[in-house]
Amino acid sequence: MANNSNKLNIPEARDAMNRFKMESASEVGVNLKQGYNGDLTSRQAGSVGGQMVKKMIEAYENGLK
């Protein structure tokens, strides 16, 4: 049985997270589409995730100031 840990703590945040993912993908030049994106390379998927983490860290650091 597969264990999927990609659950949001607040289900209502799903749309915001999808918008955030699309925005991050656009910034790094990865063409995401709604739905399945299994045709992405590992490098492309990693660059989207990395950009998302970078932006979250920047937002947190700005909140500390």
C-alpha atoms as a PDB file:
ATOM      1  CA  MET A   1       0.000   0.000   0.000  1.00  0.00           C
ATOM      2  CA  ALA A   2       1.358   3.427  -0.968  1.00  0.00           C
ATOM      3  CA  ASN A   3       1.723   6.037   1.747  1.00  0.00           C
ATOM      4  CA  ASN A   4       1.032   9.515   0.349  1.00  0.00           C
ATOM      5  CA  SER A   5       2.231  12.240   2.712  1.00  0.00           C
ATOM      6  CA  ASN A   6       1.361  15.104   0.335  1.00  0.00           C
ATOM      7  CA  LYS A   7      -1.715  16.130   2.272  1.00  0.00           C
ATOM      8  CA  LEU A   8      -2.385  19.770   3.079  1.00  0.00           C
ATOM      9  CA  ASN A   9      -3.136  20.612   6.696  1.00  0.00           C
ATOM     10  CA  ILE A  10      -5.794  23.037   5.492  1.00  0.00           C
ATOM     11  CA  PRO A  11      -7.689  21.520   2.535  1.00  0.00           C
ATOM     12  CA  GLU A  12      -9.025  24.942   1.521  1.00  0.00           C
ATOM     13  CA  ALA A  13      -5.444  25.992   0.721  1.00  0.00           C
ATOM     14  CA  ARG A  14      -5.245  23.616  -2.273  1.00  0.00           C
ATOM     15  CA  ASP A  15      -6.148  26.303  -4.847  1.00  0.00           C
ATOM     16  CA  ALA A  16      -3.635  28.755  -3.406  1.00  0.00           C
ATOM     17  CA  MET A  17      -0.901  26.101  -3.463  1.00  0.00           C
ATOM     18  CA  ASN A  18      -1.707  25.255  -7.089  1.00  0.00           C
ATOM     19  CA  ARG A  19      -1.474  28.947  -8.044  1.00  0.00           C
ATOM     20  CA  PHE A  20       1.819  29.201  -6.139  1.00  0.00           C
ATOM     21  CA  LYS A  21       3.165  26.135  -7.977  1.00  0.00           C
ATOM     22  CA  MET A  22       2.150  27.516 -11.384  1.00  0.00           C
ATOM     23  CA  GLU A  23       3.710  30.905 -10.590  1.00  0.00           C
ATOM     24  CA  SER A  24       6.963  29.273  -9.448  1.00  0.00           C
ATOM     25  CA  ALA A  25       7.076  27.085 -12.557  1.00  0.00           C
ATOM     26  CA  SER A  26       6.609  30.130 -14.759  1.00  0.00           C
ATOM     27  CA  GLU A  27       9.482  31.913 -13.008  1.00  0.00           C
ATOM     28  CA  VAL A  28      11.921  29.072 -13.733  1.00  0.00           C
ATOM     29  CA  GLY A  29      10.649  28.526 -17.285  1.00  0.00           C
ATOM     30  CA  VAL A  30       8.869  25.201 -16.787  1.00  0.00           C
ATOM     31  CA  ASN A  31       5.608  24.775 -18.681  1.00  0.00           C
ATOM     32  CA  LEU A  32       3.142  23.187 -16.249  1.00  0.00           C
ATOM     33  CA  LYS A  33      -0.384  22.300 -17.249  1.00  0.00           C
ATOM     34  CA  GLN A  34      -3.430  21.632 -15.112  1.00  0.00           C
ATOM     35  CA  GLY A  35      -3.651  17.999 -14.091  1.00  0.00           C
ATOM     36  CA  TYR A  36      -1.019  15.386 -14.854  1.00  0.00           C
ATOM     37  CA  ASN A  37       2.551  16.571 -15.432  1.00  0.00           C
ATOM     38  CA  GLY A  38       4.321  13.208 -15.496  1.00  0.00           C
ATOM     39  CA  ASP A  39       6.174  14.169 -18.651  1.00  0.00           C
ATOM     40  CA  LEU A  40       8.418  16.593 -16.734  1.00  0.00           C
ATOM     41  CA  THR A  41      12.027  15.656 -16.198  1.00  0.00           C
ATOM     42  CA  SER A  42      13.317  15.273 -12.649  1.00  0.00           C
ATOM     43  CA  ARG A  43      15.362  18.414 -13.188  1.00  0.00           C
ATOM     44  CA  GLN A  44      12.285  20.440 -14.188  1.00  0.00           C
ATOM     45  CA  ALA A  45      10.197  19.164 -11.286  1.00  0.00           C
ATOM     46  CA  GLY A  46      13.064  19.823  -8.878  1.00  0.00           C
ATOM     47  CA  SER A  47      13.526  23.361 -10.122  1.00  0.00           C
ATOM     48  CA  VAL A  48       9.832  24.111  -9.495  1.00  0.00           C
ATOM     49  CA  GLY A  49      10.005  22.673  -5.981  1.00  0.00           C
ATOM     50  CA  GLY A  50      13.261  24.480  -5.287  1.00  0.00           C
ATOM     51  CA  GLN A  51      11.788  27.790  -6.415  1.00  0.00           C
ATOM     52  CA  MET A  52       8.779  27.243  -4.155  1.00  0.00           C
ATOM     53  CA  VAL A  53      11.018  26.552  -1.143  1.00  0.00           C
ATOM     54  CA  LYS A  54      13.179  29.583  -1.946  1.00  0.00           C
ATOM     55  CA  LYS A  55      10.118  31.851  -2.033  1.00  0.00           C
ATOM     56  CA  MET A  56       8.725  30.378   1.211  1.00  0.00           C
ATOM     57  CA  ILE A  57      12.038  30.972   3.000  1.00  0.00           C
ATOM     58  CA  GLU A  58      12.192  34.553   1.697  1.00  0.00           C
ATOM     59  CA  ALA A  59       8.624  35.171   2.907  1.00  0.00           C
ATOM     60  CA  TYR A  60       9.463  33.767   6.340  1.00  0.00           C
ATOM     61  CA  GLU A  61      12.643  35.844   6.617  1.00  0.00           C
ATOM     62  CA  ASN A  62      10.746  38.994   5.598  1.00  0.00           C
ATOM     63  CA  GLY A  63       8.172  38.208   8.282  1.00  0.00           C
ATOM     64  CA  LEU A  64      10.925  38.139  10.918  1.00  0.00           C
ATOM     65  CA  LYS A  65      12.059  41.668  10.094  1.00  0.00           C
END
